Amino acid sequence: MTKINLGSLVYGPHASLIHEMADKCIKDERIQAIWVGGSLAAGHGDTFSDLDFRVAVKPGQVGNWSNPSWEKYLPILPCGGTLMEFGEQALLHHLVLTNGVIVDFFVQDTERQNLEPHLVVIACRDSDLKKKIESFSHPTSSLTKEIDAKEVRQLLVEYWIITHKELKALARQYDLSSFVGLYWERLALLRAYHIQIVGKDITNQATLHMLGVLHKGLAGKITQQQKDILGLPSRTPHETIIAIESIRSEMARIGRQLAEQYSFTYPHELEVVVQRTLKKHKASILER
């Protein structure tokens, strides 16, 4: 009988759930190994962390796992989920259990290499396979990076293009579009704040991990006025214009400072065209 050993996971969140899942899964002879990745394996997970649960099966068997009977593998059943397939060698069930825990149930074959920053093997039928899986542990690139002047300038260029497109949507009376457009504007502004305050750039993919790094870098360091700008409402065209103009003013201010600090050419002409166009059409947008 293959033994289950949670190792460092025994002291972390979801320990009992992990053990119960492993105990159920290892009873299926098709499963050759079980391990856990993600923040739990790294030792900095919490109650809200996803459970990144991995199993390996023999080559050619992954396709049989597209619709498993979950009562055989989970002590708590899912109430919903999505399936992602990665060719013939791997698939992922992204599940929400009825107790609220999110489980990424990843199935791969034993020939596939799946690199991730941290993992803990908790059961394996073969010592050589266990060594192979442990070799999957591989540092990934950081969510923060050194500042590249060209990339910062491109951030500003993309921002002015995004905010310019918002005018088109408002002119066409796509009022709900502002909730989406201002999301991208706020994300660009937060990234600019991070560059200015922390002195590091950050990925613009708004994952939970990215937002955690962003929060850590900016917590207690942005002013109430800056928070007010980020939180301006956009329930009406008038409110939307105020929010857009406020973010534009802040991005223009910070952008010029960054251009001077990191020696790149600020996109003045682009800003002038975008601002002039809004000024030209602002009255007609607000009249309706």
C-alpha atoms as a PDB file:
ATOM      1  CA  MET A   1       0.000   0.000   0.000  1.00  0.00           C
ATOM      2  CA  THR A   2       1.438   3.350  -1.030  1.00  0.00           C
ATOM      3  CA  LYS A   3       1.785   5.611   1.996  1.00  0.00           C
ATOM      4  CA  ILE A   4       0.565   9.186   2.209  1.00  0.00           C
ATOM      5  CA  ASN A   5       2.925  11.723   3.732  1.00  0.00           C
ATOM      6  CA  LEU A   6       1.842  15.340   3.796  1.00  0.00           C
ATOM      7  CA  GLY A   7       5.247  16.561   4.960  1.00  0.00           C
ATOM      8  CA  SER A   8       5.179  20.320   5.561  1.00  0.00           C
ATOM      9  CA  LEU A   9       1.566  20.487   4.375  1.00  0.00           C
ATOM     10  CA  VAL A  10       0.368  18.868   7.600  1.00  0.00           C
ATOM     11  CA  TYR A  11       0.808  22.198   9.406  1.00  0.00           C
ATOM     12  CA  GLY A  12      -0.865  24.333   6.741  1.00  0.00           C
ATOM     13  CA  PRO A  13      -4.390  25.200   5.624  1.00  0.00           C
ATOM     14  CA  HIS A  14      -6.554  22.480   4.042  1.00  0.00           C
ATOM     15  CA  ALA A  15      -4.352  19.742   5.564  1.00  0.00           C
ATOM     16  CA  SER A  16      -7.267  17.455   6.377  1.00  0.00           C
ATOM     17  CA  LEU A  17      -8.839  18.004   2.956  1.00  0.00           C
ATOM     18  CA  ILE A  18      -5.534  17.219   1.237  1.00  0.00           C
ATOM     19  CA  HIS A  19      -5.127  14.011   3.238  1.00  0.00           C
ATOM     20  CA  GLU A  20      -8.676  12.855   2.548  1.00  0.00           C
ATOM     21  CA  MET A  21      -8.312  13.589  -1.161  1.00  0.00           C
ATOM     22  CA  ALA A  22      -4.999  11.750  -1.334  1.00  0.00           C
ATOM     23  CA  ASP A  23      -6.449   8.797   0.571  1.00  0.00           C
ATOM     24  CA  LYS A  24      -9.296   8.509  -1.926  1.00  0.00           C
ATOM     25  CA  CYS A  25      -7.137   9.062  -5.003  1.00  0.00           C
ATOM     26  CA  ILE A  26      -4.406   6.578  -4.135  1.00  0.00           C
ATOM     27  CA  LYS A  27      -7.037   3.807  -4.051  1.00  0.00           C
ATOM     28  CA  ASP A  28      -7.308   4.221  -7.820  1.00  0.00           C
ATOM     29  CA  GLU A  29      -4.507   2.055  -9.201  1.00  0.00           C
ATOM     30  CA  ARG A  30      -4.313   4.255 -12.305  1.00  0.00           C
ATOM     31  CA  ILE A  31      -2.921   7.116 -10.226  1.00  0.00           C
ATOM     32  CA  GLN A  32       0.861   6.792  -9.989  1.00  0.00           C
ATOM     33  CA  ALA A  33       1.686   9.888  -7.942  1.00  0.00           C
ATOM     34  CA  ILE A  34       0.048  12.724  -6.007  1.00  0.00           C
ATOM     35  CA  TRP A  35       1.534  16.078  -5.136  1.00  0.00           C
ATOM     36  CA  VAL A  36       0.529  19.623  -4.211  1.00  0.00           C
ATOM     37  CA  GLY A  37       1.846  22.849  -5.710  1.00  0.00           C
ATOM     38  CA  GLY A  38       1.092  26.546  -5.445  1.00  0.00           C
ATOM     39  CA  SER A  39       1.160  28.737  -2.364  1.00  0.00           C
ATOM     40  CA  LEU A  40       0.373  25.825  -0.029  1.00  0.00           C
ATOM     41  CA  ALA A  41       3.507  23.991  -1.154  1.00  0.00           C
ATOM     42  CA  ALA A  42       5.478  27.218  -0.793  1.00  0.00           C
ATOM     43  CA  GLY A  43       4.398  27.508   2.832  1.00  0.00           C
ATOM     44  CA  HIS A  44       2.640  30.854   2.592  1.00  0.00           C
ATOM     45  CA  GLY A  45      -0.933  29.750   1.845  1.00  0.00           C
ATOM     46  CA  ASP A  46      -3.949  30.724   3.910  1.00  0.00           C
ATOM     47  CA  THR A  47      -7.581  29.704   4.335  1.00  0.00           C
ATOM     48  CA  PHE A  48      -8.462  31.364   1.032  1.00  0.00           C
ATOM     49  CA  SER A  49      -5.686  29.721  -0.988  1.00  0.00           C
ATOM     50  CA  ASP A  50      -6.556  27.458  -3.893  1.00  0.00           C
ATOM     51  CA  LEU A  51      -5.613  23.826  -3.438  1.00  0.00           C
ATOM     52  CA  ASP A  52      -3.327  22.980  -6.367  1.00  0.00           C
ATOM     53  CA  PHE A  53      -3.752  19.204  -6.343  1.00  0.00           C
ATOM     54  CA  ARG A  54      -1.797  17.163  -8.928  1.00  0.00           C
ATOM     55  CA  VAL A  55      -1.975  13.526  -9.980  1.00  0.00           C
ATOM     56  CA  ALA A  56       0.008  11.572 -12.571  1.00  0.00           C
ATOM     57  CA  VAL A  57      -1.333   8.677 -14.587  1.00  0.00           C
ATOM     58  CA  LYS A  58       0.259   6.439 -17.191  1.00  0.00           C
ATOM     59  CA  PRO A  59       0.583   7.712 -20.790  1.00  0.00           C
ATOM     60  CA  GLY A  60      -2.619   7.437 -22.807  1.00  0.00           C
ATOM     61  CA  GLN A  61      -4.917   7.627 -19.768  1.00  0.00           C
ATOM     62  CA  VAL A  62      -5.386  11.382 -19.352  1.00  0.00           C
ATOM     63  CA  GLY A  63      -8.380  11.466 -21.688  1.00  0.00           C
ATOM     64  CA  ASN A  64     -10.288   9.213 -19.287  1.00  0.00           C
ATOM     65  CA  TRP A  65     -10.259  11.990 -16.683  1.00  0.00           C
ATOM     66  CA  SER A  66     -12.380  14.556 -18.504  1.00  0.00           C
ATOM     67  CA  ASN A  67     -15.487  13.678 -16.491  1.00  0.00           C
ATOM     68  CA  PRO A  68     -14.562  11.684 -13.382  1.00  0.00           C
ATOM     69  CA  SER A  69     -16.995  10.564 -10.696  1.00  0.00           C
ATOM     70  CA  TRP A  70     -15.925  13.079  -8.080  1.00  0.00           C
ATOM     71  CA  GLU A  71     -17.313  11.133  -5.135  1.00  0.00           C
ATOM     72  CA  LYS A  72     -14.443   8.678  -5.717  1.00  0.00           C
ATOM     73  CA  TYR A  73     -11.749  11.348  -5.395  1.00  0.00           C
ATOM     74  CA  LEU A  74     -13.145  14.227  -3.342  1.00  0.00           C
ATOM     75  CA  PRO A  75     -14.486  14.055   0.230  1.00  0.00           C
ATOM     76  CA  ILE A  76     -16.446  17.239  -0.482  1.00  0.00           C
ATOM     77  CA  LEU A  77     -18.223  17.433  -3.828  1.00  0.00           C
ATOM     78  CA  PRO A  78     -17.867  20.362  -6.237  1.00  0.00           C
ATOM     79  CA  CYS A  79     -20.788  22.695  -6.892  1.00  0.00           C
ATOM     80  CA  GLY A  80     -19.309  23.979 -10.150  1.00  0.00           C
ATOM     81  CA  GLY A  81     -16.181  23.966 -12.254  1.00  0.00           C
ATOM     82  CA  THR A  82     -14.492  24.332 -15.606  1.00  0.00           C
ATOM     83  CA  LEU A  83     -12.302  22.000 -17.653  1.00  0.00           C
ATOM     84  CA  MET A  84      -9.126  23.019 -19.475  1.00  0.00           C
ATOM     85  CA  GLU A  85      -7.304  20.550 -21.703  1.00  0.00           C
ATOM     86  CA  PHE A  86      -3.614  20.708 -22.608  1.00  0.00           C
ATOM     87  CA  GLY A  87      -3.267  18.273 -25.484  1.00  0.00           C
ATOM     88  CA  GLU A  88      -3.163  14.563 -24.754  1.00  0.00           C
ATOM     89  CA  GLN A  89      -0.827  14.819 -21.773  1.00  0.00           C
ATOM     90  CA  ALA A  90      -2.681  16.982 -19.277  1.00  0.00           C
ATOM     91  CA  LEU A  91      -5.980  18.519 -18.228  1.00  0.00           C
ATOM     92  CA  LEU A  92      -7.178  20.702 -15.373  1.00  0.00           C
ATOM     93  CA  HIS A  93     -10.462  20.716 -13.479  1.00  0.00           C
ATOM     94  CA  HIS A  94     -10.942  24.118 -11.814  1.00  0.00           C
ATOM     95  CA  LEU A  95     -13.491  23.302  -9.115  1.00  0.00           C
ATOM     96  CA  VAL A  96     -15.372  25.104  -6.368  1.00  0.00           C
ATOM     97  CA  LEU A  97     -16.275  22.706  -3.556  1.00  0.00           C
ATOM     98  CA  THR A  98     -19.448  23.077  -1.529  1.00  0.00           C
ATOM     99  CA  ASN A  99     -17.388  24.330   1.432  1.00  0.00           C
ATOM    100  CA  GLY A 100     -16.065  27.204  -0.707  1.00  0.00           C
ATOM    101  CA  VAL A 101     -12.531  25.863  -1.273  1.00  0.00           C
ATOM    102  CA  ILE A 102     -11.217  26.161  -4.835  1.00  0.00           C
ATOM    103  CA  VAL A 103      -9.418  23.046  -6.056  1.00  0.00           C
ATOM    104  CA  ASP A 104      -7.289  22.874  -9.182  1.00  0.00           C
ATOM    105  CA  PHE A 105      -7.354  19.146  -9.874  1.00  0.00           C
ATOM    106  CA  PHE A 106      -4.569  18.691 -12.426  1.00  0.00           C
ATOM    107  CA  VAL A 107      -4.116  15.365 -14.215  1.00  0.00           C
ATOM    108  CA  GLN A 108      -1.012  14.686 -16.292  1.00  0.00           C
ATOM    109  CA  ASP A 109       0.737  11.632 -17.627  1.00  0.00           C
ATOM    110  CA  THR A 110       3.998  10.407 -16.130  1.00  0.00           C
ATOM    111  CA  GLU A 111       5.998  11.510 -19.166  1.00  0.00           C
ATOM    112  CA  ARG A 112       5.023  15.178 -18.944  1.00  0.00           C
ATOM    113  CA  GLN A 113       7.192  17.767 -17.233  1.00  0.00           C
ATOM    114  CA  ASN A 114       5.217  20.347 -15.267  1.00  0.00           C
ATOM    115  CA  LEU A 115       7.500  23.031 -13.850  1.00  0.00           C
ATOM    116  CA  GLU A 116       6.303  25.119 -10.915  1.00  0.00           C
ATOM    117  CA  PRO A 117       8.066  27.075  -8.153  1.00  0.00           C
ATOM    118  CA  HIS A 118       7.206  24.767  -5.245  1.00  0.00           C
ATOM    119  CA  LEU A 119       5.693  21.317  -4.806  1.00  0.00           C
ATOM    120  CA  VAL A 120       5.321  18.619  -2.162  1.00  0.00           C
ATOM    121  CA  VAL A 121       5.003  14.981  -3.261  1.00  0.00           C
ATOM    122  CA  ILE A 122       2.617  13.272  -0.837  1.00  0.00           C
ATOM    123  CA  ALA A 123       2.277   9.824  -2.449  1.00  0.00           C
ATOM    124  CA  CYS A 124       4.086   7.989  -5.215  1.00  0.00           C
ATOM    125  CA  ARG A 125       4.184   4.347  -6.324  1.00  0.00           C
ATOM    126  CA  ASP A 126       7.702   4.545  -7.777  1.00  0.00           C
ATOM    127  CA  SER A 127      10.837   6.120  -6.276  1.00  0.00           C
ATOM    128  CA  ASP A 128      12.244   7.133  -9.665  1.00  0.00           C
ATOM    129  CA  LEU A 129       8.978   8.859 -10.576  1.00  0.00           C
ATOM    130  CA  LYS A 130       9.047  10.697  -7.256  1.00  0.00           C
ATOM    131  CA  LYS A 131      12.537  12.023  -8.019  1.00  0.00           C
ATOM    132  CA  LYS A 132      11.356  13.100 -11.446  1.00  0.00           C
ATOM    133  CA  ILE A 133       8.374  14.963 -10.016  1.00  0.00           C
ATOM    134  CA  GLU A 134      10.524  16.638  -7.365  1.00  0.00           C
ATOM    135  CA  SER A 135      12.749  17.880 -10.196  1.00  0.00           C
ATOM    136  CA  PHE A 136       9.733  19.817 -11.530  1.00  0.00           C
ATOM    137  CA  SER A 137      10.306  22.375  -8.773  1.00  0.00           C
ATOM    138  CA  HIS A 138      11.769  25.284 -10.659  1.00  0.00           C
ATOM    139  CA  PRO A 139      11.836  29.006  -9.822  1.00  0.00           C
ATOM    140  CA  THR A 140       9.643  31.144 -12.054  1.00  0.00           C
ATOM    141  CA  SER A 141      10.162  34.734 -13.028  1.00  0.00           C
ATOM    142  CA  SER A 142       9.191  37.321 -10.450  1.00  0.00           C
ATOM    143  CA  LEU A 143       6.005  39.349 -10.803  1.00  0.00           C
ATOM    144  CA  THR A 144       8.142  42.435 -10.355  1.00  0.00           C
ATOM    145  CA  LYS A 145      11.041  43.408 -12.579  1.00  0.00           C
ATOM    146  CA  GLU A 146      13.651  46.074 -13.037  1.00  0.00           C
ATOM    147  CA  ILE A 147      12.405  49.171 -14.774  1.00  0.00           C
ATOM    148  CA  ASP A 148      12.918  49.313 -18.532  1.00  0.00           C
ATOM    149  CA  ALA A 149      12.463  52.831 -19.912  1.00  0.00           C
ATOM    150  CA  LYS A 150      11.023  51.547 -23.199  1.00  0.00           C
ATOM    151  CA  GLU A 151       8.411  49.466 -21.386  1.00  0.00           C
ATOM    152  CA  VAL A 152       7.397  52.358 -19.143  1.00  0.00           C
ATOM    153  CA  ARG A 153       6.995  54.609 -22.169  1.00  0.00           C
ATOM    154  CA  GLN A 154       4.920  51.899 -23.854  1.00  0.00           C
ATOM    155  CA  LEU A 155       2.703  51.746 -20.765  1.00  0.00           C
ATOM    156  CA  LEU A 156       1.980  55.455 -21.192  1.00  0.00           C
ATOM    157  CA  VAL A 157       1.373  55.122 -24.928  1.00  0.00           C
ATOM    158  CA  GLU A 158      -1.056  52.250 -24.378  1.00  0.00           C
ATOM    159  CA  TYR A 159      -2.808  54.185 -21.619  1.00  0.00           C
ATOM    160  CA  TRP A 160      -3.467  57.213 -23.835  1.00  0.00           C
ATOM    161  CA  ILE A 161      -4.793  54.958 -26.587  1.00  0.00           C
ATOM    162  CA  ILE A 162      -7.105  53.124 -24.166  1.00  0.00           C
ATOM    163  CA  THR A 163      -8.517  56.325 -22.709  1.00  0.00           C
ATOM    164  CA  HIS A 164      -8.973  57.743 -26.224  1.00  0.00           C
ATOM    165  CA  LYS A 165     -11.089  54.726 -27.188  1.00  0.00           C
ATOM    166  CA  GLU A 166     -13.386  55.402 -24.246  1.00  0.00           C
ATOM    167  CA  LEU A 167     -14.521  58.579 -25.982  1.00  0.00           C
ATOM    168  CA  LYS A 168     -15.716  56.524 -28.959  1.00  0.00           C
ATOM    169  CA  ALA A 169     -17.830  54.336 -26.684  1.00  0.00           C
ATOM    170  CA  LEU A 170     -19.319  57.333 -24.877  1.00  0.00           C
ATOM    171  CA  ALA A 171     -20.108  59.096 -28.147  1.00  0.00           C
ATOM    172  CA  ARG A 172     -21.999  55.989 -29.275  1.00  0.00           C
ATOM    173  CA  GLN A 173     -23.848  55.962 -25.953  1.00  0.00           C
ATOM    174  CA  TYR A 174     -22.289  52.661 -24.862  1.00  0.00           C
ATOM    175  CA  ASP A 175     -22.563  53.844 -21.281  1.00  0.00           C
ATOM    176  CA  LEU A 176     -21.841  50.451 -19.717  1.00  0.00           C
ATOM    177  CA  SER A 177     -18.487  50.366 -21.497  1.00  0.00           C
ATOM    178  CA  SER A 178     -17.082  52.805 -18.958  1.00  0.00           C
ATOM    179  CA  PHE A 179     -17.092  50.112 -16.270  1.00  0.00           C
ATOM    180  CA  VAL A 180     -14.730  48.078 -18.436  1.00  0.00           C
ATOM    181  CA  GLY A 181     -12.665  50.957 -19.801  1.00  0.00           C
ATOM    182  CA  LEU A 182     -12.045  52.530 -16.421  1.00  0.00           C
ATOM    183  CA  TYR A 183     -10.904  49.153 -15.102  1.00  0.00           C
ATOM    184  CA  TRP A 184      -8.028  49.234 -17.606  1.00  0.00           C
ATOM    185  CA  GLU A 185      -7.320  52.890 -16.846  1.00  0.00           C
ATOM    186  CA  ARG A 186      -7.147  52.233 -13.111  1.00  0.00           C
ATOM    187  CA  LEU A 187      -4.908  49.214 -13.653  1.00  0.00           C
ATOM    188  CA  ALA A 188      -2.507  51.354 -15.709  1.00  0.00           C
ATOM    189  CA  LEU A 189      -2.516  54.019 -13.009  1.00  0.00           C
ATOM    190  CA  LEU A 190      -1.806  51.482 -10.267  1.00  0.00           C
ATOM    191  CA  ARG A 191       1.106  50.137 -12.287  1.00  0.00           C
ATOM    192  CA  ALA A 192       2.428  53.677 -12.720  1.00  0.00           C
ATOM    193  CA  TYR A 193       2.123  54.243  -8.959  1.00  0.00           C
ATOM    194  CA  HIS A 194       4.073  51.023  -8.352  1.00  0.00           C
ATOM    195  CA  ILE A 195       6.855  52.098 -10.700  1.00  0.00           C
ATOM    196  CA  GLN A 196       7.081  55.529  -9.108  1.00  0.00           C
ATOM    197  CA  ILE A 197       6.792  54.503  -5.450  1.00  0.00           C
ATOM    198  CA  VAL A 198       8.436  51.071  -5.327  1.00  0.00           C
ATOM    199  CA  GLY A 199      11.005  51.599  -8.062  1.00  0.00           C
ATOM    200  CA  LYS A 200      10.054  48.306  -9.734  1.00  0.00           C
ATOM    201  CA  ASP A 201       7.801  47.500 -12.659  1.00  0.00           C
ATOM    202  CA  ILE A 202       5.077  44.885 -12.356  1.00  0.00           C
ATOM    203  CA  THR A 203       3.210  42.608 -14.723  1.00  0.00           C
ATOM    204  CA  ASN A 204      -0.039  44.056 -16.054  1.00  0.00           C
ATOM    205  CA  GLN A 205      -1.906  40.737 -15.765  1.00  0.00           C
ATOM    206  CA  ALA A 206      -4.343  41.265 -12.920  1.00  0.00           C
ATOM    207  CA  THR A 207      -4.085  37.878 -11.224  1.00  0.00           C
ATOM    208  CA  LEU A 208      -4.574  37.473  -7.477  1.00  0.00           C
ATOM    209  CA  HIS A 209      -0.817  36.999  -7.122  1.00  0.00           C
ATOM    210  CA  MET A 210      -0.133  40.221  -9.018  1.00  0.00           C
ATOM    211  CA  LEU A 211      -2.686  42.098  -6.905  1.00  0.00           C
ATOM    212  CA  GLY A 212      -1.008  40.755  -3.770  1.00  0.00           C
ATOM    213  CA  VAL A 213       2.369  42.065  -4.882  1.00  0.00           C
ATOM    214  CA  LEU A 214       0.766  45.358  -5.892  1.00  0.00           C
ATOM    215  CA  HIS A 215      -0.910  45.701  -2.510  1.00  0.00           C
ATOM    216  CA  LYS A 216       2.301  44.903  -0.650  1.00  0.00           C
ATOM    217  CA  GLY A 217       4.192  47.521  -2.617  1.00  0.00           C
ATOM    218  CA  LEU A 218       1.621  50.303  -2.309  1.00  0.00           C
ATOM    219  CA  ALA A 219      -0.019  49.650   1.081  1.00  0.00           C
ATOM    220  CA  GLY A 220       0.146  52.829   3.127  1.00  0.00           C
ATOM    221  CA  LYS A 221       2.066  54.651   0.394  1.00  0.00           C
ATOM    222  CA  ILE A 222      -0.608  56.182  -1.805  1.00  0.00           C
ATOM    223  CA  THR A 223      -2.464  59.238  -0.591  1.00  0.00           C
ATOM    224  CA  GLN A 224      -6.143  59.581   0.147  1.00  0.00           C
ATOM    225  CA  GLN A 225      -6.449  61.883  -2.852  1.00  0.00           C
ATOM    226  CA  GLN A 226      -4.988  59.173  -5.083  1.00  0.00           C
ATOM    227  CA  LYS A 227      -7.421  56.621  -3.639  1.00  0.00           C
ATOM    228  CA  ASP A 228     -10.261  59.062  -4.322  1.00  0.00           C
ATOM    229  CA  ILE A 229      -9.193  59.288  -7.971  1.00  0.00           C
ATOM    230  CA  LEU A 230      -9.091  55.498  -8.268  1.00  0.00           C
ATOM    231  CA  GLY A 231     -12.537  55.210  -6.692  1.00  0.00           C
ATOM    232  CA  LEU A 232     -14.452  57.842  -8.652  1.00  0.00           C
ATOM    233  CA  PRO A 233     -17.881  56.568  -9.784  1.00  0.00           C
ATOM    234  CA  SER A 234     -18.984  56.209 -13.402  1.00  0.00           C
ATOM    235  CA  ARG A 235     -22.735  55.773 -13.109  1.00  0.00           C
ATOM    236  CA  THR A 236     -23.540  58.521 -15.613  1.00  0.00           C
ATOM    237  CA  PRO A 237     -21.739  60.070 -18.601  1.00  0.00           C
ATOM    238  CA  HIS A 238     -20.992  63.125 -16.448  1.00  0.00           C
ATOM    239  CA  GLU A 239     -19.404  61.019 -13.693  1.00  0.00           C
ATOM    240  CA  THR A 240     -17.512  59.015 -16.286  1.00  0.00           C
ATOM    241  CA  ILE A 241     -16.002  62.127 -17.849  1.00  0.00           C
ATOM    242  CA  ILE A 242     -14.902  63.337 -14.400  1.00  0.00           C
ATOM    243  CA  ALA A 243     -13.281  59.976 -13.661  1.00  0.00           C
ATOM    244  CA  ILE A 244     -11.523  59.876 -17.037  1.00  0.00           C
ATOM    245  CA  GLU A 245     -10.221  63.416 -16.723  1.00  0.00           C
ATOM    246  CA  SER A 246      -9.010  62.822 -13.160  1.00  0.00           C
ATOM    247  CA  ILE A 247      -7.075  59.684 -14.110  1.00  0.00           C
ATOM    248  CA  ARG A 248      -5.686  61.443 -17.181  1.00  0.00           C
ATOM    249  CA  SER A 249      -4.408  64.308 -15.073  1.00  0.00           C
ATOM    250  CA  GLU A 250      -2.706  61.914 -12.665  1.00  0.00           C
ATOM    251  CA  MET A 251      -1.188  59.795 -15.448  1.00  0.00           C
ATOM    252  CA  ALA A 252       0.119  62.907 -17.196  1.00  0.00           C
ATOM    253  CA  ARG A 253       1.722  64.100 -13.966  1.00  0.00           C
ATOM    254  CA  ILE A 254       3.329  60.793 -13.091  1.00  0.00           C
ATOM    255  CA  GLY A 255       4.249  60.056 -16.711  1.00  0.00           C
ATOM    256  CA  ARG A 256       6.260  63.239 -17.002  1.00  0.00           C
ATOM    257  CA  GLN A 257       8.065  62.498 -13.763  1.00  0.00           C
ATOM    258  CA  LEU A 258       8.904  58.974 -14.917  1.00  0.00           C
ATOM    259  CA  ALA A 259      10.093  60.249 -18.297  1.00  0.00           C
ATOM    260  CA  GLU A 260      12.481  62.624 -16.598  1.00  0.00           C
ATOM    261  CA  GLN A 261      13.647  60.063 -14.044  1.00  0.00           C
ATOM    262  CA  TYR A 262      14.247  57.242 -16.545  1.00  0.00           C
ATOM    263  CA  SER A 263      15.314  59.374 -19.500  1.00  0.00           C
ATOM    264  CA  PHE A 264      12.722  58.585 -22.127  1.00  0.00           C
ATOM    265  CA  THR A 265      10.606  60.816 -24.329  1.00  0.00           C
ATOM    266  CA  TYR A 266       7.151  61.387 -22.950  1.00  0.00           C
ATOM    267  CA  PRO A 267       4.400  60.898 -25.622  1.00  0.00           C
ATOM    268  CA  HIS A 268       3.356  64.558 -25.588  1.00  0.00           C
ATOM    269  CA  GLU A 269       1.851  64.610 -29.076  1.00  0.00           C
ATOM    270  CA  LEU A 270      -0.349  61.601 -28.342  1.00  0.00           C
ATOM    271  CA  GLU A 271      -1.603  63.143 -25.121  1.00  0.00           C
ATOM    272  CA  VAL A 272      -2.339  66.457 -26.856  1.00  0.00           C
ATOM    273  CA  VAL A 273      -4.410  64.762 -29.571  1.00  0.00           C
ATOM    274  CA  VAL A 274      -6.349  62.650 -27.061  1.00  0.00           C
ATOM    275  CA  GLN A 275      -7.069  65.580 -24.741  1.00  0.00           C
ATOM    276  CA  ARG A 276      -8.034  67.863 -27.626  1.00  0.00           C
ATOM    277  CA  THR A 277     -10.482  65.312 -28.995  1.00  0.00           C
ATOM    278  CA  LEU A 278     -12.242  64.942 -25.649  1.00  0.00           C
ATOM    279  CA  LYS A 279     -12.472  68.721 -25.269  1.00  0.00           C
ATOM    280  CA  LYS A 280     -14.042  68.980 -28.740  1.00  0.00           C
ATOM    281  CA  HIS A 281     -16.758  66.387 -28.090  1.00  0.00           C
ATOM    282  CA  LYS A 282     -17.247  66.687 -24.333  1.00  0.00           C
ATOM    283  CA  ALA A 283     -20.227  69.068 -24.499  1.00  0.00           C
ATOM    284  CA  SER A 284     -22.195  66.932 -26.966  1.00  0.00           C
ATOM    285  CA  ILE A 285     -21.610  63.825 -24.868  1.00  0.00           C
ATOM    286  CA  LEU A 286     -22.869  65.522 -21.719  1.00  0.00           C
ATOM    287  CA  GLU A 287     -25.912  67.107 -23.384  1.00  0.00           C
ATOM    288  CA  ARG A 288     -27.771  63.849 -23.963  1.00  0.00           C
END
